[in-house]
Amino acid sequence: MSAEPLELAHRAVALATEAGAREAEATMAVSDTFNAEARAEQITKLQQSVGRSLTLRAFVDGRKATLATTDLSPEGMADLVERCVEAARSVQRDPLGGLPEPESVAAHDLHIFEPDVHARSEDEKLTDALSMEREMRAYDARIDNSNGSRVADAVTSVALVNSRGFEGSYTSSSVSLSASPVLRDGTEKRTAHYGASRRGYGAMPAASEIARIAARRAVEMCGARKPQTTILPIIFERDVAAVLLGDLFAACSGANVAIENSFLAGRVGERIGSDFVTIIDDGLLPAGMGSSPFDAEGVPTRKTVVFERGVLRSFLFDTYHARKLGAKSTGNASGGTVGPNNFYLRPGSGSLEDLVTRTPHGILVYDIIGFATEHVTGTWSRGASGFMVEDGQIAYPVDGFTIAGNLRDMLATLDDVAGDIVYESSIVSPSFRVAEMTVSGT
């Protein structure tokens, strides 16, 4: 990173304190992004940009305001500071507001930047998008359309300075490839999706492999039917499992716990889940997609055990909600609230196929739709599709059904975990099985 972002952040903090802010924090972000989409033999979307933004938090007599600008001229910064400090004077006092206590950030090589993102040419990226389209159609003649094959990457630099002496910066990169075929199954249309994300192109699966997996998932759903309404074990494939874990993260967030919008409120130290439930948030995970040396407030990230063999050990906090609940920040500040770093269920053993083999009867869920989570009670339900499992083998595809349960019960009856985790998002999970859920079908 060049010195300019840090210099601009320092200037904004100095201007804010001169204008009357008791405390101030400035975050400068520079993001170089690429995004392409292909359909059939055409590139249907191509976006490339460099964005620069400055976000200022100002505290005046226990009052706080946050404003951002992309106008980094001296006049633009002066206007931002004036408006932000004036806005802070106009809001209600909050005794819990203010910057975090200064903490030193240890030197870690987190492997969150890969130079091959800048080195890869635009033509190579467009070739990847087009090749995924061709590969999907070559897999099966019934695949004659798609929802798009996409290639995206970004290199982002962040510099943060505050009036309590903190100064820090880092640069990270990310790459993602995805494919979404559409298949004709008689009068029905079958869609599927598969993608991958890494810190650099060198660690990515081949574009052809991503396309083939997506195409195979569409083909395997041909002839799907509704299952009978019953109660069965449910296997959550790792991508679907991550969605469920995202709902659980919301219940672990200090922001929700503070307003009692969580079924976990007041239950630290209690056994909630089975022995298979060890859940960790780790901002220092090497090459993790959510890793960074410090959070959005300059608090060093760290490894926090949220559940340990089923026992709830900790919530996750930014500075404000930690003060509200008499705790300490866990380095999870993000966008003005609490966010995940690398939030994951500890993997078990074997592949997804091994997990299926260990399941005499049940349903393997590969996709879910809808949103129905009630965080106060833990009530959870989704539309789903996947495969019926009989005698430890895939029997036939099923769709058009709903699975439902309660997050507390699902954690308690989570009884097997695969070892197939891939750290490609800030919330990830291995595939796992819940012993008993309600299936609503025919």
Protein backbone atom coordinates (compact mmCIF):
# COMPACT_ATOMS: atom_id res chain seq x y z
CA MET A 1 0.00 0.00 0.00
CA SER A 2 1.21 3.51 -0.80
CA ALA A 3 1.52 6.08 1.97
CA GLU A 4 -1.32 8.20 0.55
CA PRO A 5 -4.28 6.37 2.18
CA LEU A 6 -2.67 6.64 5.63
CA GLU A 7 -1.86 10.28 5.01
CA LEU A 8 -5.46 11.06 4.01
CA ALA A 9 -6.79 9.22 7.08
CA HIS A 10 -4.40 11.17 9.35
CA ARG A 11 -5.49 14.43 7.75
CA ALA A 12 -9.18 13.66 8.27
CA VAL A 13 -8.64 12.85 11.96
CA ALA A 14 -6.62 16.04 12.50
CA LEU A 15 -9.30 18.16 10.81
CA ALA A 16 -12.05 16.53 12.88
CA THR A 17 -10.32 17.17 16.21
CA GLU A 18 -9.60 20.74 15.17
CA ALA A 19 -13.31 21.15 14.37
CA GLY A 20 -14.32 20.11 17.88
CA ALA A 21 -14.50 16.32 17.88
CA ARG A 22 -13.29 14.85 21.16
CA GLU A 23 -12.41 11.61 19.36
CA ALA A 24 -12.23 10.77 15.68
CA GLU A 25 -11.54 7.78 13.46
CA ALA A 26 -10.92 7.74 9.70
CA THR A 27 -10.89 4.71 7.39
CA MET A 28 -9.57 5.01 3.86
CA ALA A 29 -10.38 2.17 1.43
CA VAL A 30 -9.11 1.72 -2.13
CA SER A 31 -10.65 -1.15 -4.10
CA ASP A 32 -9.67 -2.28 -7.61
CA THR A 33 -12.46 -4.59 -8.85
CA PHE A 34 -13.18 -6.72 -11.93
CA ASN A 35 -16.47 -8.46 -12.74
CA ALA A 36 -17.43 -10.34 -15.90
CA GLU A 37 -20.43 -12.47 -16.84
CA ALA A 38 -20.84 -14.74 -19.86
CA ARG A 39 -23.90 -16.38 -21.35
CA ALA A 40 -23.52 -18.79 -24.25
CA GLU A 41 -20.76 -17.36 -26.48
CA GLN A 42 -21.08 -13.76 -25.35
CA ILE A 43 -19.74 -11.59 -22.56
CA THR A 44 -22.92 -9.99 -21.22
CA LYS A 45 -21.38 -7.93 -18.42
CA LEU A 46 -17.97 -6.38 -17.94
CA GLN A 47 -17.19 -4.02 -15.09
CA GLN A 48 -13.81 -2.75 -14.00
CA SER A 49 -13.26 0.10 -11.58
CA VAL A 50 -11.07 1.60 -8.88
CA GLY A 51 -13.06 3.00 -5.97
CA ARG A 52 -11.68 5.27 -3.26
CA SER A 53 -13.69 6.22 -0.20
CA LEU A 54 -13.08 7.85 3.18
CA THR A 55 -15.28 7.12 6.18
CA LEU A 56 -15.14 9.38 9.25
CA ARG A 57 -16.50 8.69 12.74
CA ALA A 58 -16.62 11.72 15.02
CA PHE A 59 -17.51 11.80 18.74
CA VAL A 60 -18.59 15.09 20.33
CA ASP A 61 -19.57 15.16 24.04
CA GLY A 62 -20.79 11.54 23.99
CA ARG A 63 -22.53 11.94 20.64
CA LYS A 64 -21.49 10.13 17.47
CA ALA A 65 -21.93 10.55 13.73
CA THR A 66 -20.52 8.62 10.77
CA LEU A 67 -20.27 9.96 7.22
CA ALA A 68 -18.38 8.92 4.09
CA THR A 69 -17.19 10.57 0.89
CA THR A 70 -15.48 9.75 -2.38
CA ASP A 71 -14.42 13.38 -2.87
CA LEU A 72 -10.86 13.32 -1.53
CA SER A 73 -9.95 16.84 -2.57
CA PRO A 74 -9.06 19.27 0.25
CA GLU A 75 -12.46 20.89 -0.21
CA GLY A 76 -14.26 17.54 -0.17
CA MET A 77 -12.53 16.44 3.02
CA ALA A 78 -13.20 19.77 4.72
CA ASP A 79 -16.89 19.46 3.81
CA LEU A 80 -17.03 15.87 5.14
CA VAL A 81 -15.47 16.89 8.45
CA GLU A 82 -17.75 19.88 8.89
CA ARG A 83 -20.91 17.88 8.18
CA CYS A 84 -19.84 14.92 10.34
CA VAL A 85 -18.93 16.99 13.42
CA GLU A 86 -22.09 19.07 13.08
CA ALA A 87 -24.19 15.90 12.76
CA ALA A 88 -22.58 14.48 15.91
CA ARG A 89 -23.65 17.57 17.86
CA SER A 90 -27.26 16.94 16.85
CA VAL A 91 -27.76 13.36 18.05
CA GLN A 92 -28.55 11.95 21.47
CA ARG A 93 -25.74 11.31 23.97
CA ASP A 94 -24.70 7.72 24.54
CA PRO A 95 -22.31 7.08 27.47
CA LEU A 96 -21.20 3.82 25.87
CA GLY A 97 -19.96 5.47 22.69
CA GLY A 98 -16.33 6.16 21.93
CA LEU A 99 -13.24 4.64 20.42
CA PRO A 100 -11.80 1.34 21.69
CA GLU A 101 -8.89 1.26 24.10
CA PRO A 102 -5.65 1.21 22.08
CA GLU A 103 -4.19 -2.25 21.49
CA SER A 104 -1.08 -3.11 19.53
CA VAL A 105 -1.56 -5.25 16.44
CA ALA A 106 0.87 -8.15 16.29
CA ALA A 107 2.74 -8.80 13.05
CA HIS A 108 1.11 -11.74 11.26
CA ASP A 109 1.63 -12.98 7.72
CA LEU A 110 -1.99 -13.85 7.03
CA HIS A 111 -1.47 -14.63 3.31
CA ILE A 112 -4.49 -12.51 2.40
CA PHE A 113 -2.92 -10.89 -0.68
CA GLU A 114 -1.90 -12.75 -3.83
CA PRO A 115 -0.15 -10.76 -6.60
CA ASP A 116 -1.51 -13.03 -9.35
CA VAL A 117 -4.84 -11.17 -9.10
CA HIS A 118 -3.19 -8.09 -10.60
CA ALA A 119 -1.01 -10.17 -12.91
CA ARG A 120 -3.82 -12.09 -14.63
CA SER A 121 -4.90 -10.43 -17.86
CA GLU A 122 -8.44 -9.38 -18.71
CA ASP A 123 -8.43 -11.75 -21.70
CA GLU A 124 -7.61 -14.72 -19.44
CA LYS A 125 -10.49 -13.82 -17.11
CA LEU A 126 -12.95 -13.49 -19.99
CA THR A 127 -11.73 -16.83 -21.38
CA ASP A 128 -12.54 -18.46 -18.02
CA ALA A 129 -16.09 -17.09 -18.10
CA LEU A 130 -16.71 -18.25 -21.68
CA SER A 131 -15.10 -21.65 -21.12
CA MET A 132 -17.43 -22.36 -18.18
CA GLU A 133 -20.40 -21.69 -20.48
CA ARG A 134 -19.06 -24.07 -23.14
CA GLU A 135 -18.13 -26.75 -20.61
CA MET A 136 -21.64 -26.78 -19.09
CA ARG A 137 -23.33 -27.21 -22.47
CA ALA A 138 -20.86 -29.90 -23.52
CA TYR A 139 -21.66 -31.88 -20.36
CA ASP A 140 -25.26 -32.59 -21.40
CA ALA A 141 -27.30 -31.58 -24.46
CA ARG A 142 -30.27 -30.69 -22.26
CA ILE A 143 -28.28 -27.79 -20.80
CA ASP A 144 -29.14 -25.11 -23.34
CA ASN A 145 -29.25 -22.02 -21.14
CA SER A 146 -27.69 -20.55 -18.03
CA ASN A 147 -28.10 -17.89 -15.40
CA GLY A 148 -24.57 -16.78 -16.21
CA SER A 149 -20.97 -17.82 -15.61
CA ARG A 150 -19.06 -15.24 -13.61
CA VAL A 151 -15.48 -14.27 -12.87
CA ALA A 152 -14.79 -11.59 -10.26
CA ASP A 153 -11.76 -10.38 -8.38
CA ALA A 154 -10.72 -7.47 -6.20
CA VAL A 155 -7.64 -6.00 -4.57
CA THR A 156 -8.54 -3.83 -1.59
CA SER A 157 -6.31 -1.66 0.59
CA VAL A 158 -7.51 -0.38 3.97
CA ALA A 159 -5.90 2.27 6.17
CA LEU A 160 -7.32 3.16 9.59
CA VAL A 161 -6.24 6.00 11.89
CA ASN A 162 -7.82 7.29 15.09
CA SER A 163 -7.18 10.08 17.57
CA ARG A 164 -6.12 7.65 20.31
CA GLY A 165 -2.92 6.81 18.48
CA PHE A 166 -3.93 3.82 16.37
CA GLU A 167 -2.55 3.54 12.85
CA GLY A 168 -2.76 0.45 10.68
CA SER A 169 -3.10 -0.71 7.10
CA TYR A 170 -3.28 -3.88 5.03
CA THR A 171 -3.99 -5.07 1.48
CA SER A 172 -6.09 -8.11 0.60
CA SER A 173 -7.22 -9.84 -2.57
CA SER A 174 -10.11 -12.10 -3.54
CA VAL A 175 -11.16 -14.16 -6.55
CA SER A 176 -14.43 -15.94 -7.30
CA LEU A 177 -15.68 -18.11 -10.17
CA SER A 178 -19.22 -19.46 -10.47
CA ALA A 179 -21.49 -21.20 -12.96
CA SER A 180 -25.27 -21.64 -13.04
CA PRO A 181 -26.66 -23.96 -15.74
CA VAL A 182 -30.32 -24.27 -16.76
CA LEU A 183 -31.42 -27.73 -17.97
CA ARG A 184 -34.57 -28.91 -19.77
CA ASP A 185 -36.15 -31.87 -17.95
CA GLY A 186 -39.26 -32.51 -20.01
CA THR A 187 -41.59 -29.65 -19.16
CA GLU A 188 -39.51 -28.75 -16.11
CA LYS A 189 -36.44 -26.53 -15.84
CA ARG A 190 -33.64 -27.56 -13.53
CA THR A 191 -31.16 -24.97 -12.33
CA ALA A 192 -28.00 -25.50 -10.33
CA HIS A 193 -25.14 -23.42 -9.06
CA TYR A 194 -21.56 -24.01 -8.05
CA GLY A 195 -18.73 -21.62 -7.31
CA ALA A 196 -15.46 -21.15 -5.48
CA SER A 197 -13.60 -18.26 -3.86
CA ARG A 198 -9.95 -17.92 -2.91
CA ARG A 199 -7.38 -15.21 -2.21
CA GLY A 200 -5.71 -15.70 -5.60
CA TYR A 201 -6.06 -17.45 -8.96
CA GLY A 202 -3.31 -19.93 -8.18
CA ALA A 203 -5.38 -21.56 -5.43
CA MET A 204 -8.61 -21.69 -7.47
CA PRO A 205 -10.08 -24.86 -8.95
CA ALA A 206 -9.99 -24.85 -12.74
CA ALA A 207 -12.88 -23.06 -14.46
CA SER A 208 -13.70 -26.32 -16.29
CA GLU A 209 -14.03 -28.19 -12.99
CA ILE A 210 -16.41 -25.58 -11.60
CA ALA A 211 -18.54 -25.81 -14.76
CA ARG A 212 -18.66 -29.62 -14.68
CA ILE A 213 -19.71 -29.74 -11.02
CA ALA A 214 -22.47 -27.19 -11.67
CA ALA A 215 -23.65 -29.13 -14.75
CA ARG A 216 -23.58 -32.45 -12.90
CA ARG A 217 -25.73 -30.99 -10.12
CA ALA A 218 -28.35 -29.91 -12.66
CA VAL A 219 -28.35 -33.30 -14.42
CA GLU A 220 -28.63 -35.22 -11.15
CA MET A 221 -31.88 -33.40 -10.30
CA CYS A 222 -33.69 -34.71 -13.40
CA GLY A 223 -36.86 -36.57 -12.45
CA ALA A 224 -36.93 -35.12 -8.93
CA ARG A 225 -40.12 -35.65 -6.94
CA LYS A 226 -41.55 -34.57 -3.63
CA PRO A 227 -40.81 -36.77 -0.63
CA GLN A 228 -43.52 -37.80 1.77
CA THR A 229 -44.16 -35.67 4.85
CA THR A 230 -42.22 -37.30 7.65
CA ILE A 231 -39.42 -36.86 10.20
CA LEU A 232 -35.95 -37.79 8.97
CA PRO A 233 -32.23 -37.22 9.49
CA ILE A 234 -31.05 -34.35 7.28
CA ILE A 235 -27.55 -34.06 5.82
CA PHE A 236 -26.60 -30.47 5.01
CA GLU A 237 -24.05 -30.25 2.18
CA ARG A 238 -21.30 -27.81 3.13
CA ASP A 239 -22.61 -24.79 1.16
CA VAL A 240 -26.09 -25.21 2.64
CA ALA A 241 -24.57 -25.87 6.05
CA ALA A 242 -22.82 -22.49 5.82
CA VAL A 243 -26.18 -20.76 5.31
CA LEU A 244 -27.52 -22.41 8.45
CA LEU A 245 -24.36 -21.39 10.31
CA GLY A 246 -24.98 -17.82 9.15
CA ASP A 247 -28.34 -17.89 10.91
CA LEU A 248 -26.59 -19.16 14.02
CA PHE A 249 -24.01 -16.36 13.77
CA ALA A 250 -26.82 -13.82 14.09
CA ALA A 251 -27.80 -15.43 17.40
CA CYS A 252 -24.15 -15.27 18.56
CA SER A 253 -23.79 -11.59 17.70
CA GLY A 254 -23.51 -9.27 20.69
CA ALA A 255 -25.61 -6.75 18.75
CA ASN A 256 -28.59 -9.15 18.81
CA VAL A 257 -27.89 -10.47 22.29
CA ALA A 258 -27.86 -6.89 23.65
CA ILE A 259 -31.48 -6.37 22.54
CA GLU A 260 -32.46 -9.96 23.47
CA ASN A 261 -33.07 -10.85 19.84
CA SER A 262 -31.35 -14.22 20.31
CA PHE A 263 -32.38 -17.57 21.72
CA LEU A 264 -28.85 -17.76 23.20
CA ALA A 265 -29.14 -14.62 25.36
CA GLY A 266 -28.13 -15.30 28.96
CA ARG A 267 -26.95 -18.84 28.23
CA VAL A 268 -23.14 -18.57 28.22
CA GLY A 269 -21.75 -21.61 30.03
CA GLU A 270 -24.73 -23.80 29.19
CA ARG A 271 -24.68 -26.90 27.02
CA ILE A 272 -26.65 -26.06 23.88
CA GLY A 273 -25.31 -28.47 21.27
CA SER A 274 -23.92 -31.96 20.96
CA ASP A 275 -20.25 -32.88 21.35
CA PHE A 276 -19.84 -32.32 17.59
CA VAL A 277 -20.61 -28.60 17.98
CA THR A 278 -17.34 -26.70 18.30
CA ILE A 279 -17.71 -23.36 16.54
CA ILE A 280 -14.87 -20.87 16.17
CA ASP A 281 -14.44 -17.34 14.85
CA ASP A 282 -10.83 -16.78 13.78
CA GLY A 283 -9.70 -13.51 12.22
CA LEU A 284 -6.11 -14.76 11.99
CA LEU A 285 -6.76 -17.88 9.90
CA PRO A 286 -4.07 -17.97 7.17
CA ALA A 287 -5.58 -17.17 3.74
CA GLY A 288 -9.07 -17.09 5.28
CA MET A 289 -11.51 -15.00 3.27
CA GLY A 290 -12.48 -13.11 6.43
CA SER A 291 -8.96 -12.73 7.85
CA SER A 292 -7.42 -9.33 8.60
CA PRO A 293 -4.96 -7.99 11.17
CA PHE A 294 -7.57 -5.71 12.78
CA ASP A 295 -11.32 -5.11 12.59
CA ALA A 296 -13.23 -2.02 11.42
CA GLU A 297 -12.37 -0.21 14.67
CA GLY A 298 -8.67 -1.07 14.75
CA VAL A 299 -9.11 -3.79 17.38
CA PRO A 300 -6.76 -6.74 16.69
CA THR A 301 -8.59 -9.78 15.37
CA ARG A 302 -8.20 -13.05 17.23
CA LYS A 303 -9.43 -16.62 17.61
CA THR A 304 -12.59 -16.87 19.71
CA VAL A 305 -14.17 -20.21 20.65
CA VAL A 306 -17.93 -19.59 20.54
CA PHE A 307 -19.07 -23.17 21.22
CA GLU A 308 -16.85 -25.85 22.71
CA ARG A 309 -18.18 -29.41 22.38
CA GLY A 310 -21.71 -28.05 22.60
CA VAL A 311 -21.15 -25.57 25.44
CA LEU A 312 -21.71 -21.89 24.64
CA ARG A 313 -18.48 -20.13 25.67
CA SER A 314 -18.70 -16.63 24.21
CA PHE A 315 -20.64 -14.19 22.09
CA LEU A 316 -18.92 -12.03 19.47
CA PHE A 317 -18.54 -8.29 20.00
CA ASP A 318 -17.56 -4.94 18.64
CA THR A 319 -16.56 -2.25 21.15
CA TYR A 320 -19.99 -0.71 21.66
CA HIS A 321 -21.95 -3.92 22.31
CA ALA A 322 -19.13 -5.31 24.46
CA ARG A 323 -19.45 -2.24 26.71
CA LYS A 324 -23.21 -2.65 26.77
CA LEU A 325 -22.92 -6.22 28.04
CA GLY A 326 -19.88 -5.72 30.28
CA ALA A 327 -17.61 -7.72 28.00
CA LYS A 328 -14.58 -7.04 25.80
CA SER A 329 -14.45 -6.66 22.04
CA THR A 330 -13.56 -9.87 20.22
CA GLY A 331 -12.34 -7.94 17.17
CA ASN A 332 -15.58 -8.42 15.22
CA ALA A 333 -16.52 -4.83 14.37
CA SER A 334 -17.80 -4.54 10.80
CA GLY A 335 -19.87 -1.86 9.11
CA GLY A 336 -21.01 -0.28 12.36
CA THR A 337 -22.10 -3.53 13.98
CA VAL A 338 -20.84 -7.08 14.67
CA GLY A 339 -19.65 -9.19 11.73
CA PRO A 340 -17.91 -12.54 11.20
CA ASN A 341 -14.21 -12.94 10.57
CA ASN A 342 -13.88 -16.66 9.75
CA PHE A 343 -16.85 -18.25 11.55
CA TYR A 344 -16.89 -22.03 11.14
CA LEU A 345 -17.88 -25.39 12.57
CA ARG A 346 -14.84 -27.52 13.38
CA PRO A 347 -14.60 -30.27 10.74
CA GLY A 348 -14.94 -33.94 11.47
CA SER A 349 -13.67 -36.78 9.28
CA GLY A 350 -14.23 -38.14 5.81
CA SER A 351 -15.96 -36.81 2.72
CA LEU A 352 -19.60 -35.98 2.06
CA GLU A 353 -19.89 -39.40 0.42
CA ASP A 354 -18.63 -41.00 3.65
CA LEU A 355 -21.26 -39.07 5.61
CA VAL A 356 -23.95 -40.40 3.25
CA THR A 357 -22.62 -43.93 3.73
CA ARG A 358 -22.92 -43.45 7.50
CA THR A 359 -26.62 -42.53 7.10
CA PRO A 360 -29.02 -45.51 6.75
CA HIS A 361 -32.01 -43.32 5.83
CA GLY A 362 -32.45 -39.58 5.36
CA ILE A 363 -32.26 -36.66 2.94
CA LEU A 364 -29.14 -34.97 1.61
CA VAL A 365 -29.92 -31.28 1.07
CA TYR A 366 -28.00 -29.56 -1.72
CA ASP A 367 -30.01 -26.36 -2.05
CA ILE A 368 -32.36 -24.25 0.04
CA ILE A 369 -34.60 -21.31 -0.79
CA GLY A 370 -36.56 -18.73 1.19
CA PHE A 371 -35.89 -17.18 4.55
CA ALA A 372 -37.67 -18.12 7.77
CA THR A 373 -35.58 -17.74 10.91
CA GLU A 374 -36.90 -16.39 14.20
CA HIS A 375 -33.85 -15.57 16.28
CA VAL A 376 -35.64 -15.08 19.60
CA THR A 377 -37.05 -18.60 19.60
CA GLY A 378 -34.64 -20.29 17.18
CA THR A 379 -37.44 -21.41 14.85
CA TRP A 380 -35.96 -22.31 11.43
CA SER A 381 -37.41 -23.52 8.11
CA ARG A 382 -36.49 -23.46 4.41
CA GLY A 383 -37.62 -24.81 1.08
CA ALA A 384 -35.18 -27.47 -0.05
CA SER A 385 -34.02 -29.86 -2.77
CA GLY A 386 -31.57 -32.73 -2.75
CA PHE A 387 -31.52 -36.52 -2.64
CA MET A 388 -33.22 -39.28 -0.72
CA VAL A 389 -30.71 -41.52 1.04
CA GLU A 390 -31.55 -45.20 1.52
CA ASP A 391 -29.25 -47.85 2.97
CA GLY A 392 -26.35 -45.41 2.96
CA GLN A 393 -26.65 -44.59 -0.75
CA ILE A 394 -28.16 -41.87 -2.92
CA ALA A 395 -31.52 -43.25 -4.09
CA TYR A 396 -33.28 -40.52 -6.12
CA PRO A 397 -33.59 -36.72 -6.33
CA VAL A 398 -36.25 -34.83 -4.35
CA ASP A 399 -37.44 -31.23 -4.44
CA GLY A 400 -40.43 -29.01 -3.65
CA PHE A 401 -40.36 -29.77 0.08
CA THR A 402 -39.70 -27.87 3.30
CA ILE A 403 -37.42 -28.78 6.19
CA ALA A 404 -38.12 -27.26 9.59
CA GLY A 405 -36.81 -27.37 13.13
CA ASN A 406 -35.44 -25.23 15.91
CA LEU A 407 -31.81 -24.11 15.93
CA ARG A 408 -31.46 -25.14 19.58
CA ASP A 409 -32.75 -28.65 18.83
CA MET A 410 -30.72 -28.87 15.62
CA LEU A 411 -27.51 -28.10 17.52
CA ALA A 412 -28.41 -30.64 20.20
CA THR A 413 -29.05 -33.41 17.65
CA LEU A 414 -26.19 -32.63 15.27
CA ASP A 415 -24.68 -36.11 15.31
CA ASP A 416 -22.08 -36.40 12.52
CA VAL A 417 -19.69 -34.03 10.75
CA ALA A 418 -17.65 -34.54 7.58
CA GLY A 419 -14.16 -33.18 7.00
CA ASP A 420 -14.89 -31.38 3.71
CA ILE A 421 -14.67 -27.75 4.89
CA VAL A 422 -13.27 -25.14 2.45
CA TYR A 423 -12.46 -21.71 3.84
CA GLU A 424 -13.91 -19.67 0.95
CA SER A 425 -16.15 -17.22 2.78
CA SER A 426 -16.33 -15.47 6.14
CA ILE A 427 -18.89 -18.11 7.25
CA VAL A 428 -18.12 -21.70 6.24
CA SER A 429 -18.91 -25.20 7.40
CA PRO A 430 -18.22 -28.84 6.64
CA SER A 431 -21.18 -30.99 5.70
CA PHE A 432 -23.04 -32.27 8.75
CA ARG A 433 -26.06 -34.31 9.77
CA VAL A 434 -28.94 -33.41 12.06
CA ALA A 435 -30.56 -36.54 13.49
CA GLU A 436 -34.18 -35.44 13.22
CA MET A 437 -36.07 -32.72 11.32
CA THR A 438 -39.57 -32.31 9.97
CA VAL A 439 -39.91 -32.80 6.21
CA SER A 440 -43.08 -31.36 4.66
CA GLY A 441 -43.75 -32.84 1.22
CA THR A 442 -46.67 -34.82 -0.14
